[in-house]
Amino acid sequence: MGMLLWPLILWGALTAVLVILLIYRSTLAMHEDEQLFLSESESQMQKDQIEIMQKLNKVTPIVKWLGAASGALLLIIGGVALYQQLSQMN
């Protein structure tokens, strides 16, 4: 377990940040409108929608990378744990 402690802590931290970003992204997406019909007097709503889209576009790649890193780290941890179990059997 000593060899797996730090990777597990790192995986937990990565996954916690991932979950927080997923929650943040979903709250942004709730305020996003797919189609918006605006008149000149509603230009502030258009600016708000553009801001939301910019934030979503910034968060989405980070979420993808953290998800991939979390999955890869989990596979590595599983491989190391399996290797340790097999080497104890021999």
PDB file of N, CA and C in Angstrom:
ATOM      1  N   MET A   1       0.826  -1.205   0.000  1.00  0.00           N
ATOM      2  CA  MET A   1       0.000   0.000   0.000  1.00  0.00           C
ATOM      3  C   MET A   1       0.861   1.256   0.000  1.00  0.00           C
ATOM      4  N   GLY A   2       2.079   1.166   0.512  1.00  0.00           N
ATOM      5  CA  GLY A   2       2.944   2.325   0.574  1.00  0.00           C
ATOM      6  C   GLY A   2       3.257   2.898  -0.796  1.00  0.00           C
ATOM      7  N   MET A   3       3.430   2.022  -1.765  1.00  0.00           N
ATOM      8  CA  MET A   3       3.743   2.465  -3.121  1.00  0.00           C
ATOM      9  C   MET A   3       2.532   3.106  -3.803  1.00  0.00           C
ATOM     10  N   LEU A   4       1.344   2.770  -3.363  1.00  0.00           N
ATOM     11  CA  LEU A   4       0.119   3.272  -3.980  1.00  0.00           C
ATOM     12  C   LEU A   4      -0.470   4.500  -3.287  1.00  0.00           C
ATOM     13  N   LEU A   5       0.082   4.889  -2.148  1.00  0.00           N
ATOM     14  CA  LEU A   5      -0.522   5.975  -1.375  1.00  0.00           C
ATOM     15  C   LEU A   5      -0.504   7.297  -2.148  1.00  0.00           C
ATOM     16  N   TRP A   6       0.651   7.707  -2.651  1.00  0.00           N
ATOM     17  CA  TRP A   6       0.736   8.991  -3.350  1.00  0.00           C
ATOM     18  C   TRP A   6      -0.043   8.999  -4.664  1.00  0.00           C
ATOM     19  N   PRO A   7       0.006   7.950  -5.461  1.00  0.00           N
ATOM     20  CA  PRO A   7      -0.856   7.967  -6.667  1.00  0.00           C
ATOM     21  C   PRO A   7      -2.350   8.025  -6.326  1.00  0.00           C
ATOM     22  N   LEU A   8      -2.753   7.379  -5.237  1.00  0.00           N
ATOM     23  CA  LEU A   8      -4.160   7.442  -4.836  1.00  0.00           C
ATOM     24  C   LEU A   8      -4.543   8.842  -4.380  1.00  0.00           C
ATOM     25  N   ILE A   9      -3.645   9.498  -3.655  1.00  0.00           N
ATOM     26  CA  ILE A   9      -3.906  10.876  -3.229  1.00  0.00           C
ATOM     27  C   ILE A   9      -4.004  11.790  -4.446  1.00  0.00           C
ATOM     28  N   LEU A  10      -3.081  11.627  -5.400  1.00  0.00           N
ATOM     29  CA  LEU A  10      -3.105  12.423  -6.628  1.00  0.00           C
ATOM     30  C   LEU A  10      -4.379  12.163  -7.414  1.00  0.00           C
ATOM     31  N   TRP A  11      -4.775  10.903  -7.533  1.00  0.00           N
ATOM     32  CA  TRP A  11      -6.006  10.567  -8.242  1.00  0.00           C
ATOM     33  C   TRP A  11      -7.215  11.198  -7.552  1.00  0.00           C
ATOM     34  N   GLY A  12      -7.246  11.144  -6.220  1.00  0.00           N
ATOM     35  CA  GLY A  12      -8.357  11.744  -5.483  1.00  0.00           C
ATOM     36  C   GLY A  12      -8.437  13.250  -5.698  1.00  0.00           C
ATOM     37  N   ALA A  13      -7.292  13.908  -5.701  1.00  0.00           N
ATOM     38  CA  ALA A  13      -7.273  15.358  -5.918  1.00  0.00           C
ATOM     39  C   ALA A  13      -7.716  15.700  -7.341  1.00  0.00           C
ATOM     40  N   LEU A  14      -7.198  14.968  -8.328  1.00  0.00           N
ATOM     41  CA  LEU A  14      -7.596  15.202  -9.719  1.00  0.00           C
ATOM     42  C   LEU A  14      -9.095  14.989  -9.913  1.00  0.00           C
ATOM     43  N   THR A  15      -9.593  13.935  -9.321  1.00  0.00           N
ATOM     44  CA  THR A  15     -11.014  13.612  -9.470  1.00  0.00           C
ATOM     45  C   THR A  15     -11.887  14.637  -8.756  1.00  0.00           C
ATOM     46  N   ALA A  16     -11.428  15.135  -7.615  1.00  0.00           N
ATOM     47  CA  ALA A  16     -12.189  16.167  -6.903  1.00  0.00           C
ATOM     48  C   ALA A  16     -12.267  17.446  -7.740  1.00  0.00           C
ATOM     49  N   VAL A  17     -11.148  17.850  -8.339  1.00  0.00           N
ATOM     50  CA  VAL A  17     -11.155  19.032  -9.205  1.00  0.00           C
ATOM     51  C   VAL A  17     -12.045  18.791 -10.413  1.00  0.00           C
ATOM     52  N   LEU A  18     -12.007  17.593 -10.957  1.00  0.00           N
ATOM     53  CA  LEU A  18     -12.852  17.243 -12.096  1.00  0.00           C
ATOM     54  C   LEU A  18     -14.335  17.360 -11.740  1.00  0.00           C
ATOM     55  N   VAL A  19     -14.712  16.841 -10.593  1.00  0.00           N
ATOM     56  CA  VAL A  19     -16.115  16.907 -10.169  1.00  0.00           C
ATOM     57  C   VAL A  19     -16.550  18.362  -9.977  1.00  0.00           C
ATOM     58  N   ILE A  20     -15.686  19.168  -9.380  1.00  0.00           N
ATOM     59  CA  ILE A  20     -16.018  20.583  -9.173  1.00  0.00           C
ATOM     60  C   ILE A  20     -16.200  21.289 -10.513  1.00  0.00           C
ATOM     61  N   LEU A  21     -15.311  21.012 -11.465  1.00  0.00           N
ATOM     62  CA  LEU A  21     -15.445  21.628 -12.792  1.00  0.00           C
ATOM     63  C   LEU A  21     -16.683  21.132 -13.530  1.00  0.00           C
ATOM     64  N   LEU A  22     -17.033  19.867 -13.352  1.00  0.00           N
ATOM     65  CA  LEU A  22     -18.258  19.347 -13.981  1.00  0.00           C
ATOM     66  C   LEU A  22     -19.495  20.040 -13.417  1.00  0.00           C
ATOM     67  N   ILE A  23     -19.508  20.271 -12.116  1.00  0.00           N
ATOM     68  CA  ILE A  23     -20.630  20.980 -11.498  1.00  0.00           C
ATOM     69  C   ILE A  23     -20.682  22.415 -12.011  1.00  0.00           C
ATOM     70  N   TYR A  24     -19.527  23.072 -12.080  1.00  0.00           N
ATOM     71  CA  TYR A  24     -19.459  24.439 -12.585  1.00  0.00           C
ATOM     72  C   TYR A  24     -19.943  24.508 -14.032  1.00  0.00           C
ATOM     73  N   ARG A  25     -19.487  23.562 -14.844  1.00  0.00           N
ATOM     74  CA  ARG A  25     -19.891  23.548 -16.253  1.00  0.00           C
ATOM     75  C   ARG A  25     -21.395  23.326 -16.398  1.00  0.00           C
ATOM     76  N   SER A  26     -21.957  22.460 -15.556  1.00  0.00           N
ATOM     77  CA  SER A  26     -23.397  22.210 -15.662  1.00  0.00           C
ATOM     78  C   SER A  26     -24.207  23.421 -15.225  1.00  0.00           C
ATOM     79  N   THR A  27     -23.710  24.189 -14.246  1.00  0.00           N
ATOM     80  CA  THR A  27     -24.433  25.406 -13.862  1.00  0.00           C
ATOM     81  C   THR A  27     -24.343  26.455 -14.963  1.00  0.00           C
ATOM     82  N   LEU A  28     -23.208  26.519 -15.645  1.00  0.00           N
ATOM     83  CA  LEU A  28     -23.104  27.433 -16.792  1.00  0.00           C
ATOM     84  C   LEU A  28     -24.052  27.011 -17.901  1.00  0.00           C
ATOM     85  N   ALA A  29     -24.111  25.724 -18.157  1.00  0.00           N
ATOM     86  CA  ALA A  29     -24.950  25.219 -19.242  1.00  0.00           C
ATOM     87  C   ALA A  29     -26.439  25.443 -18.961  1.00  0.00           C
ATOM     88  N   MET A  30     -26.810  25.487 -17.693  1.00  0.00           N
ATOM     89  CA  MET A  30     -28.214  25.741 -17.360  1.00  0.00           C
ATOM     90  C   MET A  30     -28.631  27.144 -17.794  1.00  0.00           C
ATOM     91  N   HIS A  31     -27.686  28.087 -17.782  1.00  0.00           N
ATOM     92  CA  HIS A  31     -27.996  29.469 -18.135  1.00  0.00           C
ATOM     93  C   HIS A  31     -27.832  29.747 -19.628  1.00  0.00           C
ATOM     94  N   GLU A  32     -27.377  28.741 -20.361  1.00  0.00           N
ATOM     95  CA  GLU A  32     -27.167  28.911 -21.799  1.00  0.00           C
ATOM     96  C   GLU A  32     -28.471  28.650 -22.538  1.00  0.00           C
ATOM     97  N   ASP A  33     -28.763  29.498 -23.490  1.00  0.00           N
ATOM     98  CA  ASP A  33     -29.925  29.308 -24.352  1.00  0.00           C
ATOM     99  C   ASP A  33     -29.438  28.838 -25.707  1.00  0.00           C
ATOM    100  N   GLU A  34     -30.129  27.843 -26.265  1.00  0.00           N
ATOM    101  CA  GLU A  34     -29.723  27.322 -27.568  1.00  0.00           C
ATOM    102  C   GLU A  34     -30.034  28.297 -28.684  1.00  0.00           C
ATOM    103  N   GLN A  35     -31.161  28.949 -28.578  1.00  0.00           N
ATOM    104  CA  GLN A  35     -31.556  29.893 -29.611  1.00  0.00           C
ATOM    105  C   GLN A  35     -32.112  31.124 -28.917  1.00  0.00           C
ATOM    106  N   LEU A  36     -31.701  32.253 -29.389  1.00  0.00           N
ATOM    107  CA  LEU A  36     -32.076  33.492 -28.733  1.00  0.00           C
ATOM    108  C   LEU A  36     -32.485  34.509 -29.793  1.00  0.00           C
ATOM    109  N   PHE A  37     -33.703  35.030 -29.674  1.00  0.00           N
ATOM    110  CA  PHE A  37     -34.186  36.058 -30.585  1.00  0.00           C
ATOM    111  C   PHE A  37     -34.147  37.378 -29.836  1.00  0.00           C
ATOM    112  N   LEU A  38     -33.345  38.277 -30.333  1.00  0.00           N
ATOM    113  CA  LEU A  38     -33.130  39.527 -29.620  1.00  0.00           C
ATOM    114  C   LEU A  38     -33.521  40.734 -30.464  1.00  0.00           C
ATOM    115  N   SER A  39     -33.995  41.714 -29.742  1.00  0.00           N
ATOM    116  CA  SER A  39     -34.163  43.016 -30.371  1.00  0.00           C
ATOM    117  C   SER A  39     -32.999  43.882 -29.912  1.00  0.00           C
ATOM    118  N   GLU A  40     -32.926  45.087 -30.401  1.00  0.00           N
ATOM    119  CA  GLU A  40     -31.830  45.976 -30.024  1.00  0.00           C
ATOM    120  C   GLU A  40     -31.816  46.256 -28.523  1.00  0.00           C
ATOM    121  N   SER A  41     -32.986  46.287 -27.909  1.00  0.00           N
ATOM    122  CA  SER A  41     -33.057  46.608 -26.476  1.00  0.00           C
ATOM    123  C   SER A  41     -32.567  45.463 -25.595  1.00  0.00           C
ATOM    124  N   GLU A  42     -32.423  44.264 -26.140  1.00  0.00           N
ATOM    125  CA  GLU A  42     -31.993  43.106 -25.349  1.00  0.00           C
ATOM    126  C   GLU A  42     -30.545  42.738 -25.627  1.00  0.00           C
ATOM    127  N   SER A  43     -29.728  43.710 -25.970  1.00  0.00           N
ATOM    128  CA  SER A  43     -28.330  43.419 -26.305  1.00  0.00           C
ATOM    129  C   SER A  43     -27.539  42.933 -25.089  1.00  0.00           C
ATOM    130  N   GLN A  44     -27.956  43.297 -23.887  1.00  0.00           N
ATOM    131  CA  GLN A  44     -27.273  42.805 -22.682  1.00  0.00           C
ATOM    132  C   GLN A  44     -27.429  41.295 -22.552  1.00  0.00           C
ATOM    133  N   MET A  45     -28.582  40.760 -22.921  1.00  0.00           N
ATOM    134  CA  MET A  45     -28.786  39.305 -22.886  1.00  0.00           C
ATOM    135  C   MET A  45     -27.843  38.618 -23.868  1.00  0.00           C
ATOM    136  N   GLN A  46     -27.633  39.236 -25.017  1.00  0.00           N
ATOM    137  CA  GLN A  46     -26.722  38.671 -25.997  1.00  0.00           C
ATOM    138  C   GLN A  46     -25.300  38.659 -25.447  1.00  0.00           C
ATOM    139  N   LYS A  47     -24.893  39.733 -24.790  1.00  0.00           N
ATOM    140  CA  LYS A  47     -23.557  39.799 -24.185  1.00  0.00           C
ATOM    141  C   LYS A  47     -23.402  38.728 -23.106  1.00  0.00           C
ATOM    142  N   ASP A  48     -24.449  38.531 -22.309  1.00  0.00           N
ATOM    143  CA  ASP A  48     -24.412  37.496 -21.276  1.00  0.00           C
ATOM    144  C   ASP A  48     -24.253  36.111 -21.879  1.00  0.00           C
ATOM    145  N   GLN A  49     -24.960  35.853 -22.972  1.00  0.00           N
ATOM    146  CA  GLN A  49     -24.867  34.553 -23.632  1.00  0.00           C
ATOM    147  C   GLN A  49     -23.475  34.332 -24.224  1.00  0.00           C
ATOM    148  N   ILE A  50     -22.891  35.381 -24.769  1.00  0.00           N
ATOM    149  CA  ILE A  50     -21.535  35.277 -25.315  1.00  0.00           C
ATOM    150  C   ILE A  50     -20.544  34.987 -24.196  1.00  0.00           C
ATOM    151  N   GLU A  51     -20.719  35.639 -23.055  1.00  0.00           N
ATOM    152  CA  GLU A  51     -19.854  35.383 -21.894  1.00  0.00           C
ATOM    153  C   GLU A  51     -19.963  33.934 -21.428  1.00  0.00           C
ATOM    154  N   ILE A  52     -21.179  33.441 -21.352  1.00  0.00           N
ATOM    155  CA  ILE A  52     -21.399  32.058 -20.922  1.00  0.00           C
ATOM    156  C   ILE A  52     -20.734  31.093 -21.896  1.00  0.00           C
ATOM    157  N   MET A  53     -20.883  31.342 -23.174  1.00  0.00           N
ATOM    158  CA  MET A  53     -20.265  30.463 -24.178  1.00  0.00           C
ATOM    159  C   MET A  53     -18.746  30.498 -24.086  1.00  0.00           C
ATOM    160  N   GLN A  54     -18.174  31.673 -23.831  1.00  0.00           N
ATOM    161  CA  GLN A  54     -16.721  31.776 -23.691  1.00  0.00           C
ATOM    162  C   GLN A  54     -16.241  30.987 -22.478  1.00  0.00           C
ATOM    163  N   LYS A  55     -16.970  31.072 -21.379  1.00  0.00           N
ATOM    164  CA  LYS A  55     -16.606  30.314 -20.176  1.00  0.00           C
ATOM    165  C   LYS A  55     -16.710  28.816 -20.431  1.00  0.00           C
ATOM    166  N   LEU A  56     -17.796  28.399 -21.096  1.00  0.00           N
ATOM    167  CA  LEU A  56     -17.959  26.982 -21.415  1.00  0.00           C
ATOM    168  C   LEU A  56     -16.838  26.489 -22.322  1.00  0.00           C
ATOM    169  N   ASN A  57     -16.448  27.308 -23.274  1.00  0.00           N
ATOM    170  CA  ASN A  57     -15.373  26.914 -24.188  1.00  0.00           C
ATOM    171  C   ASN A  57     -14.025  26.825 -23.487  1.00  0.00           C
ATOM    172  N   LYS A  58     -13.841  27.569 -22.409  1.00  0.00           N
ATOM    173  CA  LYS A  58     -12.594  27.483 -21.639  1.00  0.00           C
ATOM    174  C   LYS A  58     -12.586  26.253 -20.733  1.00  0.00           C
ATOM    175  N   VAL A  59     -13.725  25.935 -20.157  1.00  0.00           N
ATOM    176  CA  VAL A  59     -13.805  24.847 -19.173  1.00  0.00           C
ATOM    177  C   VAL A  59     -13.809  23.472 -19.836  1.00  0.00           C
ATOM    178  N   THR A  60     -14.435  23.337 -20.978  1.00  0.00           N
ATOM    179  CA  THR A  60     -14.607  22.030 -21.617  1.00  0.00           C
ATOM    180  C   THR A  60     -13.298  21.303 -21.904  1.00  0.00           C
ATOM    181  N   PRO A  61     -12.271  21.941 -22.470  1.00  0.00           N
ATOM    182  CA  PRO A  61     -11.020  21.202 -22.699  1.00  0.00           C
ATOM    183  C   PRO A  61     -10.342  20.777 -21.387  1.00  0.00           C
ATOM    184  N   ILE A  62     -10.459  21.605 -20.369  1.00  0.00           N
ATOM    185  CA  ILE A  62      -9.865  21.255 -19.071  1.00  0.00           C
ATOM    186  C   ILE A  62     -10.559  20.032 -18.493  1.00  0.00           C
ATOM    187  N   VAL A  63     -11.881  19.988 -18.619  1.00  0.00           N
ATOM    188  CA  VAL A  63     -12.648  18.837 -18.129  1.00  0.00           C
ATOM    189  C   VAL A  63     -12.243  17.573 -18.870  1.00  0.00           C
ATOM    190  N   LYS A  64     -12.057  17.684 -20.179  1.00  0.00           N
ATOM    191  CA  LYS A  64     -11.650  16.511 -20.969  1.00  0.00           C
ATOM    192  C   LYS A  64     -10.276  16.009 -20.544  1.00  0.00           C
ATOM    193  N   TRP A  65      -9.316  16.926 -20.373  1.00  0.00           N
ATOM    194  CA  TRP A  65      -7.965  16.522 -19.966  1.00  0.00           C
ATOM    195  C   TRP A  65      -7.953  15.935 -18.562  1.00  0.00           C
ATOM    196  N   LEU A  66      -8.685  16.547 -17.639  1.00  0.00           N
ATOM    197  CA  LEU A  66      -8.727  16.005 -16.282  1.00  0.00           C
ATOM    198  C   LEU A  66      -9.408  14.643 -16.249  1.00  0.00           C
ATOM    199  N   GLY A  67     -10.444  14.462 -17.046  1.00  0.00           N
ATOM    200  CA  GLY A  67     -11.108  13.164 -17.127  1.00  0.00           C
ATOM    201  C   GLY A  67     -10.178  12.094 -17.662  1.00  0.00           C
ATOM    202  N   ALA A  68      -9.432  12.441 -18.706  1.00  0.00           N
ATOM    203  CA  ALA A  68      -8.473  11.488 -19.273  1.00  0.00           C
ATOM    204  C   ALA A  68      -7.353  11.186 -18.287  1.00  0.00           C
ATOM    205  N   ALA A  69      -6.848  12.219 -17.613  1.00  0.00           N
ATOM    206  CA  ALA A  69      -5.775  12.019 -16.638  1.00  0.00           C
ATOM    207  C   ALA A  69      -6.253  11.177 -15.457  1.00  0.00           C
ATOM    208  N   SER A  70      -7.473  11.427 -15.005  1.00  0.00           N
ATOM    209  CA  SER A  70      -8.024  10.647 -13.899  1.00  0.00           C
ATOM    210  C   SER A  70      -8.194   9.186 -14.290  1.00  0.00           C
ATOM    211  N   GLY A  71      -8.703   8.949 -15.486  1.00  0.00           N
ATOM    212  CA  GLY A  71      -8.871   7.574 -15.964  1.00  0.00           C
ATOM    213  C   GLY A  71      -7.543   6.860 -16.146  1.00  0.00           C
ATOM    214  N   ALA A  72      -6.566   7.560 -16.730  1.00  0.00           N
ATOM    215  CA  ALA A  72      -5.247   6.958 -16.936  1.00  0.00           C
ATOM    216  C   ALA A  72      -4.575   6.653 -15.597  1.00  0.00           C
ATOM    217  N   LEU A  73      -4.678   7.571 -14.666  1.00  0.00           N
ATOM    218  CA  LEU A  73      -4.078   7.345 -13.352  1.00  0.00           C
ATOM    219  C   LEU A  73      -4.752   6.184 -12.635  1.00  0.00           C
ATOM    220  N   LEU A  74      -6.057   6.059 -12.788  1.00  0.00           N
ATOM    221  CA  LEU A  74      -6.766   4.933 -12.182  1.00  0.00           C
ATOM    222  C   LEU A  74      -6.307   3.611 -12.793  1.00  0.00           C
ATOM    223  N   LEU A  75      -6.094   3.586 -14.101  1.00  0.00           N
ATOM    224  CA  LEU A  75      -5.586   2.374 -14.748  1.00  0.00           C
ATOM    225  C   LEU A  75      -4.172   2.042 -14.271  1.00  0.00           C
ATOM    226  N   ILE A  76      -3.344   3.053 -14.116  1.00  0.00           N
ATOM    227  CA  ILE A  76      -1.981   2.836 -13.622  1.00  0.00           C
ATOM    228  C   ILE A  76      -2.008   2.291 -12.200  1.00  0.00           C
ATOM    229  N   ILE A  77      -2.853   2.877 -11.366  1.00  0.00           N
ATOM    230  CA  ILE A  77      -2.966   2.403  -9.979  1.00  0.00           C
ATOM    231  C   ILE A  77      -3.439   0.954  -9.960  1.00  0.00           C
ATOM    232  N   GLY A  78      -4.425   0.640 -10.785  1.00  0.00           N
ATOM    233  CA  GLY A  78      -4.902  -0.738 -10.867  1.00  0.00           C
ATOM    234  C   GLY A  78      -3.822  -1.685 -11.345  1.00  0.00           C
ATOM    235  N   GLY A  79      -3.026  -1.272 -12.328  1.00  0.00           N
ATOM    236  CA  GLY A  79      -1.929  -2.099 -12.818  1.00  0.00           C
ATOM    237  C   GLY A  79      -0.867  -2.333 -11.765  1.00  0.00           C
ATOM    238  N   VAL A  80      -0.505  -1.298 -11.026  1.00  0.00           N
ATOM    239  CA  VAL A  80       0.497  -1.438  -9.957  1.00  0.00           C
ATOM    240  C   VAL A  80      -0.034  -2.337  -8.849  1.00  0.00           C
ATOM    241  N   ALA A  81      -1.303  -2.169  -8.491  1.00  0.00           N
ATOM    242  CA  ALA A  81      -1.891  -3.020  -7.456  1.00  0.00           C
ATOM    243  C   ALA A  81      -1.919  -4.483  -7.904  1.00  0.00           C
ATOM    244  N   LEU A  82      -2.283  -4.715  -9.151  1.00  0.00           N
ATOM    245  CA  LEU A  82      -2.288  -6.071  -9.677  1.00  0.00           C
ATOM    246  C   LEU A  82      -0.873  -6.659  -9.693  1.00  0.00           C
ATOM    247  N   TYR A  83       0.092  -5.864 -10.103  1.00  0.00           N
ATOM    248  CA  TYR A  83       1.487  -6.313 -10.119  1.00  0.00           C
ATOM    249  C   TYR A  83       1.962  -6.672  -8.704  1.00  0.00           C
ATOM    250  N   GLN A  84       1.601  -5.840  -7.734  1.00  0.00           N
ATOM    251  CA  GLN A  84       1.987  -6.132  -6.349  1.00  0.00           C
ATOM    252  C   GLN A  84       1.346  -7.423  -5.870  1.00  0.00           C
ATOM    253  N   GLN A  85       0.107  -7.657  -6.194  1.00  0.00           N
ATOM    254  CA  GLN A  85      -0.567  -8.886  -5.775  1.00  0.00           C
ATOM    255  C   GLN A  85       0.044 -10.097  -6.437  1.00  0.00           C
ATOM    256  N   LEU A  86       0.355  -9.985  -7.716  1.00  0.00           N
ATOM    257  CA  LEU A  86       0.957 -11.124  -8.407  1.00  0.00           C
ATOM    258  C   LEU A  86       2.377 -11.404  -7.909  1.00  0.00           C
ATOM    259  N   SER A  87       3.121 -10.378  -7.592  1.00  0.00           N
ATOM    260  CA  SER A  87       4.494 -10.597  -7.110  1.00  0.00           C
ATOM    261  C   SER A  87       4.492 -11.152  -5.684  1.00  0.00           C
ATOM    262  N   GLN A  88       3.450 -10.896  -4.905  1.00  0.00           N
ATOM    263  CA  GLN A  88       3.353 -11.487  -3.561  1.00  0.00           C
ATOM    264  C   GLN A  88       3.010 -12.962  -3.636  1.00  0.00           C
ATOM    265  N   MET A  89       2.309 -13.357  -4.693  1.00  0.00           N
ATOM    266  CA  MET A  89       1.934 -14.766  -4.829  1.00  0.00           C
ATOM    267  C   MET A  89       3.138 -15.637  -5.170  1.00  0.00           C
ATOM    268  N   ASN A  90       4.118 -15.081  -5.837  1.00  0.00           N
ATOM    269  CA  ASN A  90       5.295 -15.849  -6.253  1.00  0.00           C
ATOM    270  C   ASN A  90       6.268 -16.000  -5.148  1.00  0.00           C
TER     271      ASN A  90
END
